Amino acid sequence: MVLLLMAEYYNFACMKIMKNDILFFIAIILALWFTVTGIFWVYWFAVIFAYPAGIASFFIWQTIKKDNKKRNKLIPFMLTIGLIASLAFLAYILIGNN
């Protein structure tokens, strides 16, 4: 019985990780970076560091969205939230400082 459970665990641990799984996690990390750092407009930090990550995440999402998995809906949601927050904060800086 114990050997059977160990064999089941070994098969579960050795599941094949697909290329799209790796790309999904990279896209999630980049989208999270964009969402968090997109509001920092000090010395154009958002343009130099945040927006390239958001664009890269968007293009990775374009390649993996063919899987039709529910998890792929998270990436454009995060990118949209990050873009709205970033542009709203930029507008606040530009309008609020007058």
N, C-alpha and C. Protein backbone atom coordinates (compact mmCIF):
# COMPACT_ATOMS: atom_id res chain seq x y z
N MET A 1 0.82 -1.19 0.00
CA MET A 1 0.00 0.00 0.00
C MET A 1 0.87 1.25 0.00
N VAL A 2 1.88 1.28 0.86
CA VAL A 2 2.76 2.44 0.94
C VAL A 2 3.51 2.61 -0.37
N LEU A 3 3.96 1.51 -0.96
CA LEU A 3 4.66 1.59 -2.24
C LEU A 3 3.75 2.12 -3.34
N LEU A 4 2.49 1.73 -3.32
CA LEU A 4 1.53 2.23 -4.30
C LEU A 4 1.34 3.74 -4.16
N LEU A 5 1.22 4.21 -2.91
CA LEU A 5 1.09 5.65 -2.68
C LEU A 5 2.34 6.41 -3.10
N MET A 6 3.50 5.82 -2.84
CA MET A 6 4.74 6.47 -3.25
C MET A 6 4.84 6.55 -4.77
N ALA A 7 4.39 5.50 -5.45
CA ALA A 7 4.41 5.50 -6.91
C ALA A 7 3.45 6.55 -7.46
N GLU A 8 2.28 6.69 -6.84
CA GLU A 8 1.32 7.72 -7.26
C GLU A 8 1.91 9.11 -7.06
N TYR A 9 2.56 9.32 -5.92
CA TYR A 9 3.17 10.63 -5.65
C TYR A 9 4.28 10.91 -6.65
N TYR A 10 5.06 9.91 -6.98
CA TYR A 10 6.16 10.10 -7.93
C TYR A 10 5.62 10.47 -9.30
N ASN A 11 4.55 9.83 -9.73
CA ASN A 11 3.96 10.15 -11.02
C ASN A 11 3.37 11.56 -11.01
N PHE A 12 2.79 11.97 -9.89
CA PHE A 12 2.25 13.31 -9.79
C PHE A 12 3.37 14.35 -9.80
N ALA A 13 4.47 14.07 -9.12
CA ALA A 13 5.58 15.01 -9.05
C ALA A 13 6.31 15.12 -10.37
N CYS A 14 6.23 14.11 -11.19
CA CYS A 14 6.95 14.12 -12.47
C CYS A 14 6.05 14.49 -13.63
N MET A 15 4.97 15.20 -13.36
CA MET A 15 4.09 15.62 -14.46
C MET A 15 4.87 16.52 -15.40
N LYS A 16 4.58 16.37 -16.66
CA LYS A 16 5.30 17.15 -17.66
C LYS A 16 4.80 18.59 -17.65
N ILE A 17 5.72 19.51 -17.53
CA ILE A 17 5.38 20.93 -17.58
C ILE A 17 5.46 21.36 -19.04
N MET A 18 4.37 21.92 -19.52
CA MET A 18 4.30 22.33 -20.92
C MET A 18 4.94 23.70 -21.10
N LYS A 19 5.28 24.01 -22.33
CA LYS A 19 5.87 25.30 -22.67
C LYS A 19 4.91 26.43 -22.32
N ASN A 20 3.61 26.22 -22.56
CA ASN A 20 2.63 27.27 -22.26
C ASN A 20 2.49 27.52 -20.77
N ASP A 21 2.74 26.51 -19.94
CA ASP A 21 2.71 26.71 -18.49
C ASP A 21 3.82 27.66 -18.05
N ILE A 22 5.01 27.47 -18.60
CA ILE A 22 6.13 28.34 -18.27
C ILE A 22 5.86 29.75 -18.79
N LEU A 23 5.36 29.86 -20.01
CA LEU A 23 5.05 31.18 -20.57
C LEU A 23 3.95 31.88 -19.77
N PHE A 24 2.98 31.11 -19.27
CA PHE A 24 1.92 31.70 -18.46
C PHE A 24 2.49 32.31 -17.18
N PHE A 25 3.37 31.59 -16.50
CA PHE A 25 3.93 32.11 -15.26
C PHE A 25 4.84 33.31 -15.51
N ILE A 26 5.56 33.31 -16.61
CA ILE A 26 6.37 34.48 -16.97
C ILE A 26 5.47 35.67 -17.24
N ALA A 27 4.38 35.45 -17.98
CA ALA A 27 3.44 36.53 -18.29
C ALA A 27 2.77 37.05 -17.03
N ILE A 28 2.44 36.18 -16.10
CA ILE A 28 1.84 36.62 -14.83
C ILE A 28 2.82 37.47 -14.03
N ILE A 29 4.06 37.05 -13.96
CA ILE A 29 5.06 37.81 -13.23
C ILE A 29 5.26 39.19 -13.86
N LEU A 30 5.35 39.24 -15.19
CA LEU A 30 5.52 40.52 -15.88
C LEU A 30 4.28 41.41 -15.72
N ALA A 31 3.09 40.82 -15.79
CA ALA A 31 1.87 41.61 -15.61
C ALA A 31 1.77 42.13 -14.19
N LEU A 32 2.17 41.34 -13.22
CA LEU A 32 2.17 41.80 -11.83
C LEU A 32 3.18 42.93 -11.64
N TRP A 33 4.36 42.81 -12.24
CA TRP A 33 5.35 43.88 -12.18
C TRP A 33 4.79 45.16 -12.80
N PHE A 34 4.15 45.04 -13.95
CA PHE A 34 3.57 46.20 -14.61
C PHE A 34 2.48 46.83 -13.76
N THR A 35 1.64 46.01 -13.16
CA THR A 35 0.54 46.53 -12.34
C THR A 35 1.06 47.26 -11.10
N VAL A 36 2.09 46.73 -10.49
CA VAL A 36 2.61 47.32 -9.26
C VAL A 36 3.47 48.56 -9.55
N THR A 37 4.33 48.49 -10.55
CA THR A 37 5.28 49.59 -10.79
C THR A 37 4.80 50.60 -11.81
N GLY A 38 3.66 50.38 -12.43
CA GLY A 38 3.17 51.31 -13.44
C GLY A 38 2.74 52.65 -12.90
N ILE A 39 2.56 52.75 -11.60
CA ILE A 39 2.13 54.03 -11.02
C ILE A 39 3.30 54.92 -10.63
N PHE A 40 4.52 54.42 -10.73
CA PHE A 40 5.70 55.21 -10.36
C PHE A 40 6.18 56.01 -11.56
N TRP A 41 5.87 57.28 -11.55
CA TRP A 41 6.26 58.16 -12.65
C TRP A 41 7.45 59.03 -12.29
N VAL A 42 8.18 58.69 -11.24
CA VAL A 42 9.36 59.46 -10.86
C VAL A 42 10.48 59.15 -11.86
N TYR A 43 11.01 60.18 -12.45
CA TYR A 43 12.07 60.05 -13.46
C TYR A 43 11.67 59.07 -14.56
N TRP A 44 10.42 59.07 -14.94
CA TRP A 44 9.88 58.23 -16.03
C TRP A 44 10.12 56.75 -15.78
N PHE A 45 10.08 56.35 -14.51
CA PHE A 45 10.29 54.94 -14.14
C PHE A 45 9.28 54.03 -14.84
N ALA A 46 8.05 54.48 -14.94
CA ALA A 46 7.00 53.64 -15.54
C ALA A 46 7.30 53.36 -17.01
N VAL A 47 7.76 54.36 -17.72
CA VAL A 47 8.03 54.18 -19.16
C VAL A 47 9.25 53.30 -19.38
N ILE A 48 10.25 53.44 -18.52
CA ILE A 48 11.50 52.70 -18.73
C ILE A 48 11.42 51.26 -18.21
N PHE A 49 10.77 51.06 -17.06
CA PHE A 49 10.79 49.74 -16.44
C PHE A 49 9.45 49.01 -16.44
N ALA A 50 8.35 49.72 -16.30
CA ALA A 50 7.06 49.05 -16.16
C ALA A 50 6.42 48.72 -17.52
N TYR A 51 6.38 49.70 -18.40
CA TYR A 51 5.68 49.48 -19.67
C TYR A 51 6.32 48.40 -20.55
N PRO A 52 7.65 48.28 -20.62
CA PRO A 52 8.21 47.16 -21.38
C PRO A 52 7.78 45.79 -20.83
N ALA A 53 7.67 45.68 -19.51
CA ALA A 53 7.20 44.43 -18.91
C ALA A 53 5.74 44.17 -19.28
N GLY A 54 4.92 45.22 -19.28
CA GLY A 54 3.52 45.07 -19.67
C GLY A 54 3.37 44.68 -21.13
N ILE A 55 4.18 45.28 -21.99
CA ILE A 55 4.12 44.94 -23.42
C ILE A 55 4.58 43.51 -23.65
N ALA A 56 5.66 43.10 -22.97
CA ALA A 56 6.13 41.72 -23.10
C ALA A 56 5.08 40.73 -22.60
N SER A 57 4.44 41.05 -21.49
CA SER A 57 3.38 40.19 -20.97
C SER A 57 2.22 40.08 -21.95
N PHE A 58 1.88 41.21 -22.58
CA PHE A 58 0.79 41.21 -23.56
C PHE A 58 1.12 40.29 -24.75
N PHE A 59 2.35 40.37 -25.26
CA PHE A 59 2.71 39.53 -26.41
C PHE A 59 2.82 38.05 -26.03
N ILE A 60 3.28 37.77 -24.82
CA ILE A 60 3.29 36.37 -24.36
C ILE A 60 1.86 35.86 -24.25
N TRP A 61 0.97 36.69 -23.72
CA TRP A 61 -0.44 36.29 -23.62
C TRP A 61 -1.04 36.03 -25.01
N GLN A 62 -0.65 36.83 -26.00
CA GLN A 62 -1.15 36.62 -27.36
C GLN A 62 -0.76 35.25 -27.89
N THR A 63 0.41 34.75 -27.51
CA THR A 63 0.84 33.45 -28.00
C THR A 63 0.19 32.29 -27.25
N ILE A 64 -0.16 32.48 -25.96
CA ILE A 64 -0.70 31.35 -25.19
C ILE A 64 -2.22 31.38 -25.07
N LYS A 65 -2.89 32.40 -25.57
CA LYS A 65 -4.34 32.46 -25.39
C LYS A 65 -5.08 31.44 -26.26
N LYS A 66 -4.39 30.75 -27.13
CA LYS A 66 -5.01 29.73 -27.98
C LYS A 66 -5.40 28.48 -27.19
N ASP A 67 -4.87 28.36 -25.96
CA ASP A 67 -5.18 27.19 -25.13
C ASP A 67 -6.62 27.15 -24.67
N ASN A 68 -7.28 28.31 -24.65
CA ASN A 68 -8.66 28.43 -24.17
C ASN A 68 -8.82 27.93 -22.74
N LYS A 69 -7.83 28.22 -21.90
CA LYS A 69 -7.93 27.88 -20.49
C LYS A 69 -8.41 29.10 -19.73
N LYS A 70 -9.12 28.85 -18.63
CA LYS A 70 -9.65 29.96 -17.83
C LYS A 70 -8.56 30.82 -17.24
N ARG A 71 -7.42 30.24 -16.96
CA ARG A 71 -6.33 31.00 -16.35
C ARG A 71 -5.81 32.10 -17.25
N ASN A 72 -5.97 31.97 -18.56
CA ASN A 72 -5.47 32.97 -19.48
C ASN A 72 -6.27 34.27 -19.44
N LYS A 73 -7.42 34.27 -18.79
CA LYS A 73 -8.20 35.50 -18.65
C LYS A 73 -7.63 36.42 -17.59
N LEU A 74 -6.77 35.90 -16.74
CA LEU A 74 -6.18 36.69 -15.66
C LEU A 74 -5.18 37.71 -16.18
N ILE A 75 -4.43 37.36 -17.20
CA ILE A 75 -3.37 38.24 -17.70
C ILE A 75 -3.93 39.54 -18.27
N PRO A 76 -4.91 39.51 -19.20
CA PRO A 76 -5.42 40.80 -19.70
C PRO A 76 -6.14 41.61 -18.62
N PHE A 77 -6.73 40.94 -17.64
CA PHE A 77 -7.36 41.65 -16.53
C PHE A 77 -6.32 42.42 -15.73
N MET A 78 -5.20 41.77 -15.42
CA MET A 78 -4.14 42.44 -14.67
C MET A 78 -3.54 43.58 -15.48
N LEU A 79 -3.34 43.36 -16.77
CA LEU A 79 -2.77 44.42 -17.62
C LEU A 79 -3.71 45.61 -17.73
N THR A 80 -5.00 45.36 -17.81
CA THR A 80 -5.98 46.45 -17.89
C THR A 80 -6.00 47.25 -16.60
N ILE A 81 -6.00 46.58 -15.47
CA ILE A 81 -5.97 47.26 -14.18
C ILE A 81 -4.70 48.09 -14.06
N GLY A 82 -3.58 47.53 -14.46
CA GLY A 82 -2.31 48.25 -14.38
C GLY A 82 -2.29 49.48 -15.28
N LEU A 83 -2.82 49.34 -16.49
CA LEU A 83 -2.85 50.47 -17.42
C LEU A 83 -3.76 51.58 -16.91
N ILE A 84 -4.93 51.22 -16.43
CA ILE A 84 -5.86 52.22 -15.90
C ILE A 84 -5.24 52.94 -14.69
N ALA A 85 -4.63 52.18 -13.79
CA ALA A 85 -4.02 52.79 -12.61
C ALA A 85 -2.86 53.69 -13.01
N SER A 86 -2.05 53.24 -13.95
CA SER A 86 -0.90 54.02 -14.38
C SER A 86 -1.31 55.33 -15.03
N LEU A 87 -2.26 55.27 -15.94
CA LEU A 87 -2.72 56.48 -16.62
C LEU A 87 -3.48 57.41 -15.68
N ALA A 88 -4.23 56.85 -14.75
CA ALA A 88 -4.94 57.68 -13.78
C ALA A 88 -3.95 58.41 -12.87
N PHE A 89 -2.91 57.72 -12.46
CA PHE A 89 -1.92 58.35 -11.60
C PHE A 89 -1.14 59.41 -12.36
N LEU A 90 -0.84 59.17 -13.64
CA LEU A 90 -0.18 60.18 -14.46
C LEU A 90 -1.06 61.40 -14.63
N ALA A 91 -2.34 61.19 -14.87
CA ALA A 91 -3.28 62.32 -15.00
C ALA A 91 -3.34 63.09 -13.69
N TYR A 92 -3.35 62.40 -12.58
CA TYR A 92 -3.37 63.07 -11.27
C TYR A 92 -2.11 63.93 -11.08
N ILE A 93 -0.97 63.40 -11.48
CA ILE A 93 0.28 64.16 -11.35
C ILE A 93 0.26 65.39 -12.24
N LEU A 94 -0.19 65.22 -13.48
CA LEU A 94 -0.16 66.33 -14.43
C LEU A 94 -1.21 67.40 -14.11
N ILE A 95 -2.38 66.98 -13.70
CA ILE A 95 -3.46 67.93 -13.43
C ILE A 95 -3.37 68.47 -12.00
N GLY A 96 -3.00 67.63 -11.07
CA GLY A 96 -2.99 68.02 -9.67
C GLY A 96 -1.87 68.96 -9.30
N ASN A 97 -0.80 69.02 -10.06
CA ASN A 97 0.32 69.88 -9.73
C ASN A 97 0.19 71.29 -10.25
N ASN A 98 -0.89 71.62 -10.89
CA ASN A 98 -1.07 72.98 -11.43
C ASN A 98 -1.54 73.93 -10.40
